[in-house]
N, C-alpha and C. Protein backbone atom coordinates (compact mmCIF):
# COMPACT_ATOMS: atom_id res chain seq x y z
N MET A 1 0.83 -1.18 0.02
CA MET A 1 -0.03 -0.02 0.02
C MET A 1 0.83 1.26 0.02
N PRO A 2 1.99 1.32 0.79
CA PRO A 2 2.80 2.57 0.66
C PRO A 2 3.32 2.90 -0.72
N PRO A 3 3.66 1.96 -1.57
CA PRO A 3 4.11 2.33 -2.92
C PRO A 3 2.98 3.01 -3.70
N VAL A 4 1.74 2.62 -3.52
CA VAL A 4 0.63 3.26 -4.23
C VAL A 4 0.44 4.69 -3.70
N MET A 5 0.54 4.86 -2.43
CA MET A 5 0.39 6.20 -1.90
C MET A 5 1.54 7.13 -2.35
N PHE A 6 2.76 6.58 -2.46
CA PHE A 6 3.91 7.30 -2.95
C PHE A 6 3.65 7.72 -4.38
N LEU A 7 3.19 6.82 -5.23
CA LEU A 7 2.89 7.15 -6.63
C LEU A 7 1.81 8.17 -6.77
N ALA A 8 0.79 8.12 -5.90
CA ALA A 8 -0.26 9.15 -5.88
C ALA A 8 0.27 10.48 -5.53
N LEU A 9 1.16 10.50 -4.57
CA LEU A 9 1.78 11.81 -4.16
C LEU A 9 2.63 12.33 -5.25
N ILE A 10 3.43 11.51 -5.91
CA ILE A 10 4.21 12.00 -7.03
C ILE A 10 3.33 12.53 -8.17
N GLY A 11 2.19 11.83 -8.47
CA GLY A 11 1.30 12.26 -9.45
C GLY A 11 0.67 13.62 -9.12
N ALA A 12 0.26 13.83 -7.89
CA ALA A 12 -0.36 15.02 -7.45
C ALA A 12 0.69 16.19 -7.55
N ALA A 13 1.93 15.88 -7.16
CA ALA A 13 2.95 16.96 -7.26
C ALA A 13 3.23 17.30 -8.71
N GLY A 14 3.20 16.29 -9.59
CA GLY A 14 3.38 16.57 -11.05
C GLY A 14 2.31 17.36 -11.62
N ILE A 15 1.09 17.13 -11.27
CA ILE A 15 -0.02 17.89 -11.80
C ILE A 15 0.07 19.29 -11.28
N ALA A 16 0.38 19.51 -10.00
CA ALA A 16 0.46 20.82 -9.44
C ALA A 16 1.66 21.61 -10.09
N GLY A 17 2.74 20.92 -10.32
CA GLY A 17 3.84 21.59 -10.96
C GLY A 17 3.53 21.97 -12.42
N TYR A 18 2.81 21.10 -13.13
CA TYR A 18 2.40 21.45 -14.46
C TYR A 18 1.50 22.63 -14.51
N ARG A 19 0.54 22.73 -13.56
CA ARG A 19 -0.38 23.86 -13.55
C ARG A 19 0.37 25.16 -13.24
N ILE A 20 1.32 25.11 -12.32
CA ILE A 20 2.08 26.30 -12.00
C ILE A 20 2.97 26.76 -13.20
N LEU A 21 3.57 25.78 -13.85
CA LEU A 21 4.45 26.09 -14.98
C LEU A 21 3.64 26.63 -16.13
N SER A 22 2.48 26.03 -16.40
CA SER A 22 1.68 26.51 -17.50
C SER A 22 1.10 27.92 -17.26
N SER A 23 0.80 28.25 -15.97
CA SER A 23 0.32 29.60 -15.66
C SER A 23 1.41 30.64 -15.85
N VAL A 24 2.66 30.23 -15.47
CA VAL A 24 3.78 31.17 -15.64
C VAL A 24 4.06 31.35 -17.13
N LEU A 25 4.08 30.32 -17.87
CA LEU A 25 4.33 30.41 -19.34
C LEU A 25 3.19 31.10 -20.01
N GLY A 26 1.96 30.85 -19.58
CA GLY A 26 0.77 31.47 -20.20
C GLY A 26 0.78 32.98 -19.96
N GLY A 27 1.29 33.44 -18.85
CA GLY A 27 1.43 34.91 -18.62
C GLY A 27 2.32 35.54 -19.56
N SER A 28 3.45 34.84 -19.88
CA SER A 28 4.45 35.45 -20.77
C SER A 28 3.86 35.58 -22.21
N LYS A 29 3.00 34.62 -22.61
CA LYS A 29 2.36 34.74 -23.91
C LYS A 29 1.44 35.93 -24.01
N SER A 30 0.73 36.24 -22.92
CA SER A 30 -0.15 37.39 -22.96
C SER A 30 0.67 38.68 -23.03
N LEU A 31 1.90 38.66 -22.44
CA LEU A 31 2.76 39.88 -22.62
C LEU A 31 3.18 40.02 -24.05
N HIS A 32 3.47 38.93 -24.76
CA HIS A 32 3.83 39.06 -26.14
C HIS A 32 2.69 39.57 -26.99
N ARG A 33 1.49 39.11 -26.68
CA ARG A 33 0.29 39.60 -27.38
C ARG A 33 0.14 41.14 -27.23
N GLY A 34 0.44 41.61 -26.03
CA GLY A 34 0.30 43.03 -25.78
C GLY A 34 1.39 43.81 -26.55
N ALA A 35 2.56 43.23 -26.70
CA ALA A 35 3.62 43.90 -27.49
C ALA A 35 3.26 43.94 -28.96
N ASP A 36 2.57 42.91 -29.47
CA ASP A 36 2.15 43.00 -30.86
C ASP A 36 1.12 44.12 -31.07
N GLY A 37 0.26 44.28 -30.13
CA GLY A 37 -0.74 45.34 -30.23
C GLY A 37 -0.09 46.69 -30.22
N ALA A 38 0.93 46.87 -29.36
CA ALA A 38 1.63 48.16 -29.29
C ALA A 38 2.41 48.39 -30.57
N ARG A 39 2.94 47.34 -31.17
CA ARG A 39 3.68 47.48 -32.42
C ARG A 39 2.71 47.91 -33.54
N ARG A 40 1.49 47.37 -33.55
CA ARG A 40 0.52 47.76 -34.57
C ARG A 40 0.04 49.20 -34.35
N ALA A 41 0.01 49.66 -33.11
CA ALA A 41 -0.43 50.98 -32.81
C ALA A 41 0.50 52.03 -33.34
N ARG A 42 1.79 51.70 -33.54
CA ARG A 42 2.82 52.64 -34.07
C ARG A 42 2.76 52.76 -35.54
N THR A 43 2.05 51.87 -36.27
CA THR A 43 2.02 52.01 -37.71
C THR A 43 1.19 53.23 -38.13
N ARG A 44 1.46 53.72 -39.28
CA ARG A 44 0.75 54.91 -39.78
C ARG A 44 0.25 54.64 -41.21
N ASP A 45 -0.78 55.32 -41.54
CA ASP A 45 -1.32 55.16 -42.88
C ASP A 45 -0.58 55.99 -43.86
N LEU A 46 -0.02 55.40 -44.89
CA LEU A 46 0.76 56.13 -45.92
C LEU A 46 -0.08 56.49 -47.08
N GLY A 47 -1.34 56.18 -47.09
CA GLY A 47 -2.23 56.56 -48.20
C GLY A 47 -2.00 55.62 -49.31
N ASN A 48 -2.22 56.15 -50.59
CA ASN A 48 -2.01 55.24 -51.80
C ASN A 48 -0.54 55.08 -52.02
N LEU A 49 -0.20 53.88 -52.42
CA LEU A 49 1.19 53.57 -52.74
C LEU A 49 1.33 53.35 -54.29
N GLU A 50 2.48 53.67 -54.79
CA GLU A 50 2.83 53.41 -56.14
C GLU A 50 4.18 52.71 -56.30
N TRP A 51 4.35 51.95 -57.30
CA TRP A 51 5.52 51.15 -57.51
C TRP A 51 6.67 52.04 -58.01
N ASP A 52 7.81 52.00 -57.39
CA ASP A 52 9.02 52.74 -57.80
C ASP A 52 9.89 51.78 -58.53
N GLU A 53 10.00 51.87 -59.86
CA GLU A 53 10.76 50.91 -60.64
C GLU A 53 12.22 50.96 -60.34
N SER A 54 12.79 52.15 -60.11
CA SER A 54 14.24 52.24 -59.91
C SER A 54 14.65 51.55 -58.57
N ALA A 55 13.83 51.71 -57.55
CA ALA A 55 14.19 51.14 -56.23
C ALA A 55 13.61 49.72 -56.07
N GLY A 56 12.58 49.41 -56.80
CA GLY A 56 11.95 48.11 -56.68
C GLY A 56 11.07 47.94 -55.49
N VAL A 57 10.50 49.06 -54.94
CA VAL A 57 9.68 49.02 -53.75
C VAL A 57 8.45 49.93 -53.98
N TYR A 58 7.45 49.78 -53.09
CA TYR A 58 6.31 50.63 -53.13
C TYR A 58 6.63 51.93 -52.27
N ARG A 59 6.22 53.04 -52.77
CA ARG A 59 6.39 54.28 -52.09
C ARG A 59 5.10 55.05 -51.98
N PRO A 60 4.96 56.00 -51.02
CA PRO A 60 3.74 56.76 -51.01
C PRO A 60 3.52 57.54 -52.30
N SER A 61 2.31 57.64 -52.72
CA SER A 61 2.01 58.37 -53.95
C SER A 61 2.38 59.79 -53.82
N THR A 62 3.01 60.46 -54.80
CA THR A 62 3.30 61.89 -54.77
C THR A 62 2.14 62.72 -55.13
N LYS A 63 1.12 62.13 -55.81
CA LYS A 63 -0.10 62.87 -56.21
C LYS A 63 -1.01 62.99 -54.96
N ARG A 64 -1.53 64.15 -54.74
CA ARG A 64 -2.49 64.32 -53.65
C ARG A 64 -3.92 64.29 -54.24
N GLU A 65 -4.75 63.36 -53.79
CA GLU A 65 -6.08 63.30 -54.25
C GLU A 65 -7.00 63.87 -53.21
N SER A 66 -7.93 64.80 -53.56
CA SER A 66 -8.82 65.42 -52.60
C SER A 66 -10.10 64.60 -52.46
C-alpha cells in the first residue's frame, strides 16, 4: 500500500507543478500579445502607394487626391 500512496503523491505533485508552470508560461504569452498590439499601434497610414521601378519598392504616392 505505501508504494501506491507514494505514486499518488508523485502524481499530485506533477499535476500541481504542471499547472504552475503553464500559468507562468501562459502569462508570458499574454505579454507578447500586448507587445504585438503596441507594435501595430505605431504604424501609420501612408495613403495610396505606387511602384518605384528604380528602387523596386512601393512608395507613398506623390499625387494628392482630394
